[in-house]
Amino acid sequence: MRALFVGGVVDNSEMDLDGPHPPKHYPENTGGGASRYSLRQVGTTDDRVVYAVYGAPDLDDGFVERVAGERDYARRFAAKVQTVH
């Protein structure tokens, strides 16, 4: 699955993630109390997660959803969007 980032220093970056389910935060464990990106959306096809959108800690959900929509991740991955709370 692909991890896609909105905001912060890695805005508009992508990387591969292992496993069937994306972690709630990225990176999962910082060990130093640093702010982490939060999972905001997933894109699924055939009951499988194909991408995960992570938002910077200082961004509200609406902004992340708008940017993800503008970047058209759902079309790119031919996936159904699900918002994560």
PDB file of N, CA and C in Angstrom:
ATOM      1  N   MET A   1       0.845  -1.166   0.000  1.00  0.00           N
ATOM      2  CA  MET A   1       0.000   0.000   0.000  1.00  0.00           C
ATOM      3  C   MET A   1       0.894   1.234   0.000  1.00  0.00           C
ATOM      4  N   ARG A   2       0.359   2.326  -0.509  1.00  0.00           N
ATOM      5  CA  ARG A   2       1.105   3.589  -0.560  1.00  0.00           C
ATOM      6  C   ARG A   2       0.651   4.500   0.566  1.00  0.00           C
ATOM      7  N   ALA A   3       1.621   5.149   1.191  1.00  0.00           N
ATOM      8  CA  ALA A   3       1.346   6.194   2.167  1.00  0.00           C
ATOM      9  C   ALA A   3       1.542   7.524   1.461  1.00  0.00           C
ATOM     10  N   LEU A   4       0.570   8.415   1.592  1.00  0.00           N
ATOM     11  CA  LEU A   4       0.576   9.720   0.945  1.00  0.00           C
ATOM     12  C   LEU A   4       0.473  10.777   2.041  1.00  0.00           C
ATOM     13  N   PHE A   5       1.278  11.834   1.940  1.00  0.00           N
ATOM     14  CA  PHE A   5       1.372  12.810   3.025  1.00  0.00           C
ATOM     15  C   PHE A   5       0.892  14.193   2.595  1.00  0.00           C
ATOM     16  N   VAL A   6       0.129  14.827   3.482  1.00  0.00           N
ATOM     17  CA  VAL A   6      -0.384  16.177   3.267  1.00  0.00           C
ATOM     18  C   VAL A   6       0.144  17.056   4.395  1.00  0.00           C
ATOM     19  N   GLY A   7       0.815  18.143   4.022  1.00  0.00           N
ATOM     20  CA  GLY A   7       1.319  19.107   4.991  1.00  0.00           C
ATOM     21  C   GLY A   7       2.663  18.728   5.578  1.00  0.00           C
ATOM     22  N   GLY A   8       3.200  19.656   6.356  1.00  0.00           N
ATOM     23  CA  GLY A   8       4.474  19.421   7.022  1.00  0.00           C
ATOM     24  C   GLY A   8       5.651  19.364   6.063  1.00  0.00           C
ATOM     25  N   VAL A   9       6.756  18.849   6.564  1.00  0.00           N
ATOM     26  CA  VAL A   9       7.991  18.844   5.783  1.00  0.00           C
ATOM     27  C   VAL A   9       7.987  17.809   4.662  1.00  0.00           C
ATOM     28  N   VAL A  10       7.098  16.827   4.715  1.00  0.00           N
ATOM     29  CA  VAL A  10       7.055  15.805   3.672  1.00  0.00           C
ATOM     30  C   VAL A  10       5.807  15.931   2.793  1.00  0.00           C
ATOM     31  N   ASP A  11       5.238  17.134   2.728  1.00  0.00           N
ATOM     32  CA  ASP A  11       4.036  17.358   1.929  1.00  0.00           C
ATOM     33  C   ASP A  11       4.209  16.821   0.521  1.00  0.00           C
ATOM     34  N   ASN A  12       3.180  16.124   0.045  1.00  0.00           N
ATOM     35  CA  ASN A  12       3.118  15.574  -1.299  1.00  0.00           C
ATOM     36  C   ASN A  12       4.159  14.474  -1.533  1.00  0.00           C
ATOM     37  N   SER A  13       4.651  13.869  -0.452  1.00  0.00           N
ATOM     38  CA  SER A  13       5.569  12.737  -0.556  1.00  0.00           C
ATOM     39  C   SER A  13       4.779  11.438  -0.524  1.00  0.00           C
ATOM     40  N   GLU A  14       5.434  10.366  -0.979  1.00  0.00           N
ATOM     41  CA  GLU A  14       4.828   9.046  -0.970  1.00  0.00           C
ATOM     42  C   GLU A  14       5.863   8.014  -0.548  1.00  0.00           C
ATOM     43  N   MET A  15       5.366   6.917  -0.002  1.00  0.00           N
ATOM     44  CA  MET A  15       6.241   5.795   0.321  1.00  0.00           C
ATOM     45  C   MET A  15       5.400   4.529   0.418  1.00  0.00           C
ATOM     46  N   ASP A  16       6.045   3.385   0.312  1.00  0.00           N
ATOM     47  CA  ASP A  16       5.365   2.104   0.459  1.00  0.00           C
ATOM     48  C   ASP A  16       5.282   1.730   1.930  1.00  0.00           C
ATOM     49  N   LEU A  17       4.157   1.132   2.320  1.00  0.00           N
ATOM     50  CA  LEU A  17       3.969   0.595   3.665  1.00  0.00           C
ATOM     51  C   LEU A  17       3.713  -0.899   3.551  1.00  0.00           C
ATOM     52  N   ASP A  18       4.242  -1.656   4.496  1.00  0.00           N
ATOM     53  CA  ASP A  18       3.989  -3.097   4.545  1.00  0.00           C
ATOM     54  C   ASP A  18       2.765  -3.374   5.402  1.00  0.00           C
ATOM     55  N   GLY A  19       2.170  -4.515   5.181  1.00  0.00           N
ATOM     56  CA  GLY A  19       1.056  -4.953   6.011  1.00  0.00           C
ATOM     57  C   GLY A  19      -0.290  -4.650   5.396  1.00  0.00           C
ATOM     58  N   PRO A  20      -1.311  -5.314   5.912  1.00  0.00           N
ATOM     59  CA  PRO A  20      -2.660  -5.140   5.367  1.00  0.00           C
ATOM     60  C   PRO A  20      -3.370  -3.880   5.843  1.00  0.00           C
ATOM     61  N   HIS A  21      -2.912  -3.314   6.988  1.00  0.00           N
ATOM     62  CA  HIS A  21      -3.575  -2.137   7.553  1.00  0.00           C
ATOM     63  C   HIS A  21      -2.546  -1.054   7.853  1.00  0.00           C
ATOM     64  N   PRO A  22      -2.858   0.194   7.517  1.00  0.00           N
ATOM     65  CA  PRO A  22      -1.914   1.277   7.808  1.00  0.00           C
ATOM     66  C   PRO A  22      -1.899   1.606   9.301  1.00  0.00           C
ATOM     67  N   PRO A  23      -0.757   2.016   9.833  1.00  0.00           N
ATOM     68  CA  PRO A  23      -0.714   2.426  11.238  1.00  0.00           C
ATOM     69  C   PRO A  23      -1.499   3.720  11.455  1.00  0.00           C
ATOM     70  N   LYS A  24      -1.983   3.920  12.659  1.00  0.00           N
ATOM     71  CA  LYS A  24      -2.763   5.120  12.999  1.00  0.00           C
ATOM     72  C   LYS A  24      -1.918   6.390  12.904  1.00  0.00           C
ATOM     73  N   HIS A  25      -0.633   6.272  13.193  1.00  0.00           N
ATOM     74  CA  HIS A  25       0.292   7.407  13.118  1.00  0.00           C
ATOM     75  C   HIS A  25       1.522   7.013  12.328  1.00  0.00           C
ATOM     76  N   TYR A  26       2.150   8.001  11.702  1.00  0.00           N
ATOM     77  CA  TYR A  26       3.412   7.769  11.012  1.00  0.00           C
ATOM     78  C   TYR A  26       4.393   8.872  11.393  1.00  0.00           C
ATOM     79  N   PRO A  27       5.600   8.532  11.815  1.00  0.00           N
ATOM     80  CA  PRO A  27       6.041   7.160  12.097  1.00  0.00           C
ATOM     81  C   PRO A  27       5.307   6.608  13.310  1.00  0.00           C
ATOM     82  N   GLU A  28       5.246   5.276  13.394  1.00  0.00           N
ATOM     83  CA  GLU A  28       4.490   4.645  14.475  1.00  0.00           C
ATOM     84  C   GLU A  28       5.043   5.008  15.843  1.00  0.00           C
ATOM     85  N   ASN A  29       6.346   4.941  16.007  1.00  0.00           N
ATOM     86  CA  ASN A  29       6.979   5.214  17.300  1.00  0.00           C
ATOM     87  C   ASN A  29       8.137   6.169  17.100  1.00  0.00           C
ATOM     88  N   THR A  30       8.022   7.372  17.637  1.00  0.00           N
ATOM     89  CA  THR A  30       9.123   8.328  17.490  1.00  0.00           C
ATOM     90  C   THR A  30      10.089   8.251  18.648  1.00  0.00           C
ATOM     91  N   GLY A  31       9.624   7.792  19.789  1.00  0.00           N
ATOM     92  CA  GLY A  31      10.490   7.650  20.941  1.00  0.00           C
ATOM     93  C   GLY A  31      10.874   8.959  21.611  1.00  0.00           C
ATOM     94  N   GLY A  32      10.686  10.082  20.936  1.00  0.00           N
ATOM     95  CA  GLY A  32      11.083  11.358  21.511  1.00  0.00           C
ATOM     96  C   GLY A  32       9.939  12.313  21.722  1.00  0.00           C
ATOM     97  N   GLY A  33       8.728  11.844  21.583  1.00  0.00           N
ATOM     98  CA  GLY A  33       7.578  12.706  21.789  1.00  0.00           C
ATOM     99  C   GLY A  33       7.325  13.676  20.652  1.00  0.00           C
ATOM    100  N   ALA A  34       7.981  13.473  19.507  1.00  0.00           N
ATOM    101  CA  ALA A  34       7.788  14.353  18.358  1.00  0.00           C
ATOM    102  C   ALA A  34       6.393  14.148  17.769  1.00  0.00           C
ATOM    103  N   SER A  35       5.842  15.204  17.203  1.00  0.00           N
ATOM    104  CA  SER A  35       4.543  15.108  16.553  1.00  0.00           C
ATOM    105  C   SER A  35       4.620  14.138  15.392  1.00  0.00           C
ATOM    106  N   ARG A  36       3.554  13.396  15.231  1.00  0.00           N
ATOM    107  CA  ARG A  36       3.496  12.419  14.150  1.00  0.00           C
ATOM    108  C   ARG A  36       2.339  12.740  13.223  1.00  0.00           C
ATOM    109  N   TYR A  37       2.450  12.272  12.009  1.00  0.00           N
ATOM    110  CA  TYR A  37       1.361  12.393  11.048  1.00  0.00           C
ATOM    111  C   TYR A  37       0.248  11.434  11.461  1.00  0.00           C
ATOM    112  N   SER A  38      -1.003  11.867  11.309  1.00  0.00           N
ATOM    113  CA  SER A  38      -2.158  11.050  11.670  1.00  0.00           C
ATOM    114  C   SER A  38      -2.845  10.529  10.426  1.00  0.00           C
ATOM    115  N   LEU A  39      -3.308   9.298  10.507  1.00  0.00           N
ATOM    116  CA  LEU A  39      -4.061   8.691   9.413  1.00  0.00           C
ATOM    117  C   LEU A  39      -5.388   9.419   9.287  1.00  0.00           C
ATOM    118  N   ARG A  40      -5.704   9.910   8.088  1.00  0.00           N
ATOM    119  CA  ARG A  40      -6.940  10.680   7.877  1.00  0.00           C
ATOM    120  C   ARG A  40      -7.895  10.003   6.901  1.00  0.00           C
ATOM    121  N   GLN A  41      -7.346   9.292   5.906  1.00  0.00           N
ATOM    122  CA  GLN A  41      -8.171   8.620   4.897  1.00  0.00           C
ATOM    123  C   GLN A  41      -7.498   7.332   4.469  1.00  0.00           C
ATOM    124  N   VAL A  42      -8.321   6.389   4.019  1.00  0.00           N
ATOM    125  CA  VAL A  42      -7.797   5.218   3.334  1.00  0.00           C
ATOM    126  C   VAL A  42      -8.576   5.050   2.044  1.00  0.00           C
ATOM    127  N   GLY A  43      -7.929   4.460   1.066  1.00  0.00           N
ATOM    128  CA  GLY A  43      -8.571   4.124  -0.194  1.00  0.00           C
ATOM    129  C   GLY A  43      -8.585   2.608  -0.326  1.00  0.00           C
ATOM    130  N   THR A  44      -9.763   2.054  -0.605  1.00  0.00           N
ATOM    131  CA  THR A  44      -9.898   0.607  -0.674  1.00  0.00           C
ATOM    132  C   THR A  44     -10.401   0.149  -2.032  1.00  0.00           C
ATOM    133  N   THR A  45      -9.959  -1.035  -2.400  1.00  0.00           N
ATOM    134  CA  THR A  45     -10.492  -1.745  -3.559  1.00  0.00           C
ATOM    135  C   THR A  45     -10.628  -3.202  -3.150  1.00  0.00           C
ATOM    136  N   ASP A  46     -11.753  -3.800  -3.444  1.00  0.00           N
ATOM    137  CA  ASP A  46     -11.979  -5.213  -3.116  1.00  0.00           C
ATOM    138  C   ASP A  46     -11.629  -5.527  -1.662  1.00  0.00           C
ATOM    139  N   ASP A  47     -12.075  -4.689  -0.738  1.00  0.00           N
ATOM    140  CA  ASP A  47     -11.841  -4.872   0.703  1.00  0.00           C
ATOM    141  C   ASP A  47     -10.366  -4.910   1.084  1.00  0.00           C
ATOM    142  N   ARG A  48      -9.549  -4.232   0.306  1.00  0.00           N
ATOM    143  CA  ARG A  48      -8.109  -4.162   0.569  1.00  0.00           C
ATOM    144  C   ARG A  48      -7.702  -2.700   0.551  1.00  0.00           C
ATOM    145  N   VAL A  49      -6.896  -2.278   1.527  1.00  0.00           N
ATOM    146  CA  VAL A  49      -6.412  -0.901   1.567  1.00  0.00           C
ATOM    147  C   VAL A  49      -5.274  -0.758   0.563  1.00  0.00           C
ATOM    148  N   VAL A  50      -5.430   0.187  -0.378  1.00  0.00           N
ATOM    149  CA  VAL A  50      -4.390   0.397  -1.399  1.00  0.00           C
ATOM    150  C   VAL A  50      -3.609   1.692  -1.168  1.00  0.00           C
ATOM    151  N   TYR A  51      -4.200   2.621  -0.422  1.00  0.00           N
ATOM    152  CA  TYR A  51      -3.454   3.822  -0.050  1.00  0.00           C
ATOM    153  C   TYR A  51      -3.963   4.375   1.271  1.00  0.00           C
ATOM    154  N   ALA A  52      -3.078   5.128   1.932  1.00  0.00           N
ATOM    155  CA  ALA A  52      -3.408   5.768   3.201  1.00  0.00           C
ATOM    156  C   ALA A  52      -2.932   7.212   3.139  1.00  0.00           C
ATOM    157  N   VAL A  53      -3.796   8.140   3.516  1.00  0.00           N
ATOM    158  CA  VAL A  53      -3.447   9.559   3.526  1.00  0.00           C
ATOM    159  C   VAL A  53      -3.178   9.976   4.972  1.00  0.00           C
ATOM    160  N   TYR A  54      -1.996  10.526   5.193  1.00  0.00           N
ATOM    161  CA  TYR A  54      -1.596  11.023   6.506  1.00  0.00           C
ATOM    162  C   TYR A  54      -1.525  12.540   6.463  1.00  0.00           C
ATOM    163  N   GLY A  55      -2.048  13.176   7.501  1.00  0.00           N
ATOM    164  CA  GLY A  55      -2.021  14.626   7.607  1.00  0.00           C
ATOM    165  C   GLY A  55      -1.082  15.075   8.709  1.00  0.00           C
ATOM    166  N   ALA A  56      -0.418  16.200   8.475  1.00  0.00           N
ATOM    167  CA  ALA A  56       0.453  16.788   9.485  1.00  0.00           C
ATOM    168  C   ALA A  56      -0.360  17.094  10.730  1.00  0.00           C
ATOM    169  N   PRO A  57       0.267  17.066  11.909  1.00  0.00           N
ATOM    170  CA  PRO A  57      -0.474  17.240  13.162  1.00  0.00           C
ATOM    171  C   PRO A  57      -1.188  18.581  13.308  1.00  0.00           C
ATOM    172  N   ASP A  58      -0.735  19.607  12.623  1.00  0.00           N
ATOM    173  CA  ASP A  58      -1.341  20.929  12.780  1.00  0.00           C
ATOM    174  C   ASP A  58      -2.451  21.212  11.769  1.00  0.00           C
ATOM    175  N   LEU A  59      -2.828  20.231  10.954  1.00  0.00           N
ATOM    176  CA  LEU A  59      -3.852  20.437   9.925  1.00  0.00           C
ATOM    177  C   LEU A  59      -5.179  19.829  10.343  1.00  0.00           C
ATOM    178  N   ASP A  60      -6.268  20.545  10.055  1.00  0.00           N
ATOM    179  CA  ASP A  60      -7.578  19.986  10.368  1.00  0.00           C
ATOM    180  C   ASP A  60      -7.996  19.002   9.272  1.00  0.00           C
ATOM    181  N   ASP A  61      -8.933  18.139   9.629  1.00  0.00           N
ATOM    182  CA  ASP A  61      -9.381  17.084   8.720  1.00  0.00           C
ATOM    183  C   ASP A  61      -9.928  17.632   7.401  1.00  0.00           C
ATOM    184  N   GLY A  62     -10.681  18.737   7.469  1.00  0.00           N
ATOM    185  CA  GLY A  62     -11.257  19.315   6.253  1.00  0.00           C
ATOM    186  C   GLY A  62     -10.207  19.722   5.244  1.00  0.00           C
ATOM    187  N   PHE A  63      -9.123  20.314   5.723  1.00  0.00           N
ATOM    188  CA  PHE A  63      -8.043  20.720   4.827  1.00  0.00           C
ATOM    189  C   PHE A  63      -7.406  19.498   4.175  1.00  0.00           C
ATOM    190  N   VAL A  64      -7.135  18.467   4.967  1.00  0.00           N
ATOM    191  CA  VAL A  64      -6.515  17.253   4.423  1.00  0.00           C
ATOM    192  C   VAL A  64      -7.435  16.607   3.390  1.00  0.00           C
ATOM    193  N   GLU A  65      -8.727  16.538   3.680  1.00  0.00           N
ATOM    194  CA  GLU A  65      -9.684  15.971   2.727  1.00  0.00           C
ATOM    195  C   GLU A  65      -9.719  16.771   1.424  1.00  0.00           C
ATOM    196  N   ARG A  66      -9.696  18.094   1.546  1.00  0.00           N
ATOM    197  CA  ARG A  66      -9.725  18.938   0.347  1.00  0.00           C
ATOM    198  C   ARG A  66      -8.481  18.714  -0.507  1.00  0.00           C
ATOM    199  N   VAL A  67      -7.306  18.697   0.110  1.00  0.00           N
ATOM    200  CA  VAL A  67      -6.062  18.504  -0.637  1.00  0.00           C
ATOM    201  C   VAL A  67      -6.025  17.110  -1.264  1.00  0.00           C
ATOM    202  N   ALA A  68      -6.434  16.087  -0.517  1.00  0.00           N
ATOM    203  CA  ALA A  68      -6.465  14.728  -1.069  1.00  0.00           C
ATOM    204  C   ALA A  68      -7.410  14.655  -2.261  1.00  0.00           C
ATOM    205  N   GLY A  69      -8.535  15.364  -2.169  1.00  0.00           N
ATOM    206  CA  GLY A  69      -9.470  15.415  -3.296  1.00  0.00           C
ATOM    207  C   GLY A  69      -8.880  16.121  -4.503  1.00  0.00           C
ATOM    208  N   GLU A  70      -8.180  17.220  -4.257  1.00  0.00           N
ATOM    209  CA  GLU A  70      -7.540  17.953  -5.360  1.00  0.00           C
ATOM    210  C   GLU A  70      -6.453  17.105  -6.032  1.00  0.00           C
ATOM    211  N   ARG A  71      -5.754  16.333  -5.230  1.00  0.00           N
ATOM    212  CA  ARG A  71      -4.699  15.457  -5.782  1.00  0.00           C
ATOM    213  C   ARG A  71      -5.293  14.209  -6.411  1.00  0.00           C
ATOM    214  N   ASP A  72      -6.578  13.991  -6.215  1.00  0.00           N
ATOM    215  CA  ASP A  72      -7.363  12.940  -6.863  1.00  0.00           C
ATOM    216  C   ASP A  72      -6.806  11.540  -6.628  1.00  0.00           C
ATOM    217  N   TYR A  73      -6.440  11.265  -5.377  1.00  0.00           N
ATOM    218  CA  TYR A  73      -5.885   9.959  -5.048  1.00  0.00           C
ATOM    219  C   TYR A  73      -6.859   8.818  -5.355  1.00  0.00           C
ATOM    220  N   ALA A  74      -8.139   9.013  -5.088  1.00  0.00           N
ATOM    221  CA  ALA A  74      -9.126   7.956  -5.325  1.00  0.00           C
ATOM    222  C   ALA A  74      -9.134   7.530  -6.789  1.00  0.00           C
ATOM    223  N   ARG A  75      -9.126   8.492  -7.697  1.00  0.00           N
ATOM    224  CA  ARG A  75      -9.101   8.150  -9.126  1.00  0.00           C
ATOM    225  C   ARG A  75      -7.790   7.481  -9.495  1.00  0.00           C
ATOM    226  N   ARG A  76      -6.700   8.017  -9.012  1.00  0.00           N
ATOM    227  CA  ARG A  76      -5.373   7.483  -9.330  1.00  0.00           C
ATOM    228  C   ARG A  76      -5.245   6.005  -8.954  1.00  0.00           C
ATOM    229  N   PHE A  77      -5.823   5.636  -7.805  1.00  0.00           N
ATOM    230  CA  PHE A  77      -5.722   4.256  -7.337  1.00  0.00           C
ATOM    231  C   PHE A  77      -6.992   3.449  -7.623  1.00  0.00           C
ATOM    232  N   ALA A  78      -7.957   4.054  -8.316  1.00  0.00           N
ATOM    233  CA  ALA A  78      -9.242   3.407  -8.610  1.00  0.00           C
ATOM    234  C   ALA A  78      -9.835   2.820  -7.331  1.00  0.00           C
ATOM    235  N   ALA A  79      -9.929   3.674  -6.313  1.00  0.00           N
ATOM    236  CA  ALA A  79     -10.325   3.217  -4.984  1.00  0.00           C
ATOM    237  C   ALA A  79     -11.512   4.006  -4.447  1.00  0.00           C
ATOM    238  N   LYS A  80     -12.132   3.437  -3.435  1.00  0.00           N
ATOM    239  CA  LYS A  80     -13.214   4.093  -2.711  1.00  0.00           C
ATOM    240  C   LYS A  80     -12.606   4.740  -1.482  1.00  0.00           C
ATOM    241  N   VAL A  81     -12.922   6.009  -1.244  1.00  0.00           N
ATOM    242  CA  VAL A  81     -12.356   6.777  -0.126  1.00  0.00           C
ATOM    243  C   VAL A  81     -13.146   6.517   1.152  1.00  0.00           C
ATOM    244  N   GLN A  82     -12.423   6.327   2.252  1.00  0.00           N
ATOM    245  CA  GLN A  82     -13.025   6.234   3.566  1.00  0.00           C
ATOM    246  C   GLN A  82     -12.282   7.183   4.502  1.00  0.00           C
ATOM    247  N   THR A  83     -13.034   8.037   5.183  1.00  0.00           N
ATOM    248  CA  THR A  83     -12.442   8.940   6.155  1.00  0.00           C
ATOM    249  C   THR A  83     -12.194   8.174   7.457  1.00  0.00           C
ATOM    250  N   VAL A  84     -11.046   8.436   8.064  1.00  0.00           N
ATOM    251  CA  VAL A  84     -10.677   7.788   9.329  1.00  0.00           C
ATOM    252  C   VAL A  84     -10.786   8.819  10.439  1.00  0.00           C
ATOM    253  N   HIS A  85     -11.414   8.447  11.529  1.00  0.00           N
ATOM    254  CA  HIS A  85     -11.562   9.363  12.676  1.00  0.00           C
ATOM    255  C   HIS A  85     -10.801   8.835  13.858  1.00  0.00           C
TER     256      HIS A  85
END
